[in-house]
Protein backbone atom coordinates (compact mmCIF):
# COMPACT_ATOMS: atom_id res chain seq x y z
CA UNK A 1 182.91 104.11 146.99
CA UNK A 2 179.24 103.97 146.07
CA UNK A 3 177.47 106.25 143.70
CA UNK A 4 173.77 106.66 143.33
CA UNK A 5 172.63 106.00 139.83
CA UNK A 6 169.45 107.09 138.21
CA UNK A 7 167.46 104.12 137.06
CA UNK A 8 164.65 104.57 134.58
CA UNK A 9 162.68 101.71 133.15
CA UNK A 10 161.69 102.05 129.53
CA UNK A 11 158.05 101.46 130.44
CA UNK A 12 158.16 104.71 132.43
CA UNK A 13 159.56 106.58 129.43
CA UNK A 14 156.84 105.47 127.04
CA UNK A 15 154.32 107.55 128.93
CA UNK A 16 156.28 110.72 128.12
CA UNK A 17 155.05 110.97 124.56
CA UNK A 18 151.33 110.70 123.71
CA UNK A 19 150.30 108.14 121.15
CA UNK A 20 148.01 108.80 118.23
CA UNK A 21 145.39 106.10 117.76
CA UNK A 22 144.84 106.96 114.09
CA UNK A 23 147.69 104.84 112.73
CA UNK A 24 149.83 101.98 114.11
CA UNK A 25 152.99 103.24 115.79
CA UNK A 26 156.47 101.85 116.38
CA UNK A 27 158.47 102.61 119.55
CA UNK A 28 162.19 103.29 119.59
CA UNK A 29 164.60 104.26 122.34
CA UNK A 30 166.74 107.00 120.81
CA UNK A 31 170.27 107.97 121.79
CA UNK A 32 173.26 109.88 120.51
CA UNK A 33 176.61 108.48 119.43
CA UNK A 34 178.69 111.49 118.52
CA UNK A 35 176.49 113.86 116.52
CA UNK A 36 174.22 111.17 115.08
CA UNK A 37 170.97 109.97 116.59
CA UNK A 38 170.28 106.25 116.64
CA UNK A 39 167.38 104.16 117.80
CA UNK A 40 166.77 100.58 118.88
CA UNK A 41 163.60 98.60 119.48
CA UNK A 42 162.15 99.92 122.72
CA UNK A 43 161.25 96.41 123.89
CA UNK A 44 164.90 95.29 123.95
CA UNK A 45 166.08 97.76 126.61
CA UNK A 46 164.95 97.11 130.18
CA UNK A 47 166.49 100.11 131.96
CA UNK A 48 168.58 103.22 131.47
CA UNK A 49 171.15 104.02 134.16
CA UNK A 50 173.94 106.48 134.79
CA UNK A 51 177.34 104.79 134.57
CA UNK A 52 178.62 103.45 137.91
CA UNK A 53 182.33 102.74 138.43
CA UNK A 54 183.71 100.25 135.89
CA UNK A 55 185.82 97.26 136.88
CA UNK A 56 188.19 96.59 133.98
CA UNK A 57 188.64 93.04 132.74
CA UNK A 58 192.02 92.31 131.15
CA UNK A 59 192.50 90.59 127.80
CA UNK A 60 189.06 91.23 126.36
CA UNK A 61 188.02 92.77 123.08
CA UNK A 62 188.38 96.55 122.98
CA UNK A 63 184.62 97.18 123.03
CA UNK A 64 184.21 95.23 126.28
CA UNK A 65 184.97 97.97 128.80
CA UNK A 66 184.63 95.76 131.89
CA UNK A 67 181.82 94.99 134.31
CA UNK A 68 179.52 97.22 136.34
CA UNK A 69 177.32 96.59 139.34
CA UNK A 70 173.73 97.66 138.81
CA UNK A 71 171.21 97.10 141.60
CA UNK A 72 173.14 94.18 143.00
CA UNK A 73 173.58 92.50 139.62
CA UNK A 74 176.59 92.46 137.36
CA UNK A 75 176.47 93.59 133.73
CA UNK A 76 179.16 93.41 131.08
CA UNK A 77 179.75 96.97 129.86
CA UNK A 78 180.00 97.37 126.09
CA UNK A 79 181.23 100.52 124.34
CA UNK A 80 178.45 100.87 121.77
CA UNK A 81 180.50 103.41 119.80
CA UNK A 82 183.32 100.91 119.20
CA UNK A 83 180.86 98.13 118.46
CA UNK A 84 179.60 100.24 115.57
CA UNK A 85 183.09 101.11 114.32
CA UNK A 86 183.23 104.62 115.82
CA UNK A 87 185.87 106.19 118.08
CA UNK A 88 185.96 104.90 121.69
CA UNK A 89 183.53 106.45 124.17
CA UNK A 90 184.47 108.77 126.97
CA UNK A 91 182.21 108.58 130.01
CA UNK A 92 180.88 111.98 131.01
CA UNK A 93 177.82 113.47 132.72
CA UNK A 94 175.47 112.79 129.82
CA UNK A 95 176.62 109.18 129.25
CA UNK A 96 174.06 106.48 129.92
CA UNK A 97 173.95 102.71 130.00
CA UNK A 98 171.15 100.83 128.25
CA UNK A 99 170.53 97.45 129.88
CA UNK A 100 170.03 94.61 127.43
CA UNK A 101 169.46 90.98 128.43
CA UNK A 102 170.32 87.80 126.58
CA UNK A 103 169.19 84.44 127.94
CA UNK A 104 172.65 83.97 129.51
CA UNK A 105 173.85 87.42 130.50
CA UNK A 106 173.03 91.08 131.16
CA UNK A 107 174.84 93.74 129.15
CA UNK A 108 175.18 97.47 129.63
CA UNK A 109 175.52 99.39 126.38
CA UNK A 110 177.31 102.69 126.88
CA UNK A 111 175.89 105.54 124.78
CA UNK A 112 176.80 109.24 124.74
CA UNK A 113 173.33 110.48 125.62
CA UNK A 114 169.76 109.18 125.67
CA UNK A 115 167.48 111.56 123.84
CA UNK A 116 163.97 110.17 124.24
CA UNK A 117 161.51 107.45 123.44
CA UNK A 118 159.86 108.04 120.11
CA UNK A 119 156.63 106.54 118.99
CA UNK A 120 156.24 107.24 115.32
CA UNK A 121 153.60 106.25 112.80
CA UNK A 122 154.60 103.08 110.97
CA UNK A 123 154.46 105.07 107.73
CA UNK A 124 157.42 107.20 108.96
CA UNK A 125 159.65 104.11 109.14
CA UNK A 126 161.70 103.54 105.99
CA UNK A 127 163.10 99.99 105.77
CA UNK A 128 166.40 99.16 104.10
CA UNK A 129 167.39 102.71 103.12
CA UNK A 130 170.23 103.27 100.70
CA UNK A 131 173.10 104.59 102.81
CA UNK A 132 176.82 105.11 102.30
CA UNK A 133 178.91 102.00 102.94
CA UNK A 134 180.49 101.94 106.41
CA UNK A 135 180.51 99.60 109.44
CA UNK A 136 177.49 101.28 111.02
CA UNK A 137 175.23 100.96 107.98
CA UNK A 138 175.66 97.17 107.91
CA UNK A 139 173.46 97.02 111.03
CA UNK A 140 170.84 99.53 109.90
CA UNK A 141 167.32 98.17 109.57
CA UNK A 142 165.78 101.48 108.62
CA UNK A 143 165.45 105.16 109.28
CA UNK A 144 162.72 107.15 110.94
CA UNK A 145 161.86 110.69 109.99
CA UNK A 146 159.56 111.98 112.74
CA UNK A 147 159.60 115.43 111.15
CA UNK A 148 161.15 117.15 108.13
CA UNK A 149 164.45 118.03 109.85
CA UNK A 150 165.12 114.90 111.94
CA UNK A 151 166.43 111.53 110.84
CA UNK A 152 167.07 108.68 113.25
CA UNK A 153 169.04 105.64 112.17
CA UNK A 154 167.43 102.46 113.52
CA UNK A 155 169.87 99.64 114.18
CA UNK A 156 169.37 95.93 114.84
CA UNK A 157 170.50 95.57 118.45
CA UNK A 158 170.03 91.81 118.59
CA UNK A 159 172.16 91.23 115.47
CA UNK A 160 174.89 93.58 116.71
CA UNK A 161 175.10 91.80 120.06
CA UNK A 162 174.97 88.38 118.40
CA UNK A 163 178.03 89.30 116.30
CA UNK A 164 179.84 90.85 119.28
CA UNK A 165 179.47 87.65 121.30
CA UNK A 166 180.83 85.29 118.63
């Protein structure tokens, strides 16, 4: 059974939001895990795809969901929710896979929903915020407040994946 998946490169998404030339900006790919919005460095994600069928791999860590075939290549599918200490993900219509490459392997990071690419003024990025102690906050590099009502938690994708692969 084959399913068509929507493939979007992150370079295509960056054109969706105009940039202000007045101040340096930082780009983040934002997504939802549960009711919280997170972001990762835009340059670390090569594509966003809808989840194809998953081939389970026995005797792996719980956050390794299996492998998926994406455009003829194979990617290890990681439940990003579990990786951050949250409840396991359930794949539904809004679920998306963020493709992340290491020198040795391609990974698909399952998220609940991709919201958008945000380019925010560097002054809106708050490094090392004081947050409540939980597994997610250990990987937080900062928060972004693009407006008065929105807060996006920015996480260190490379560090999270480095720890997951140990």
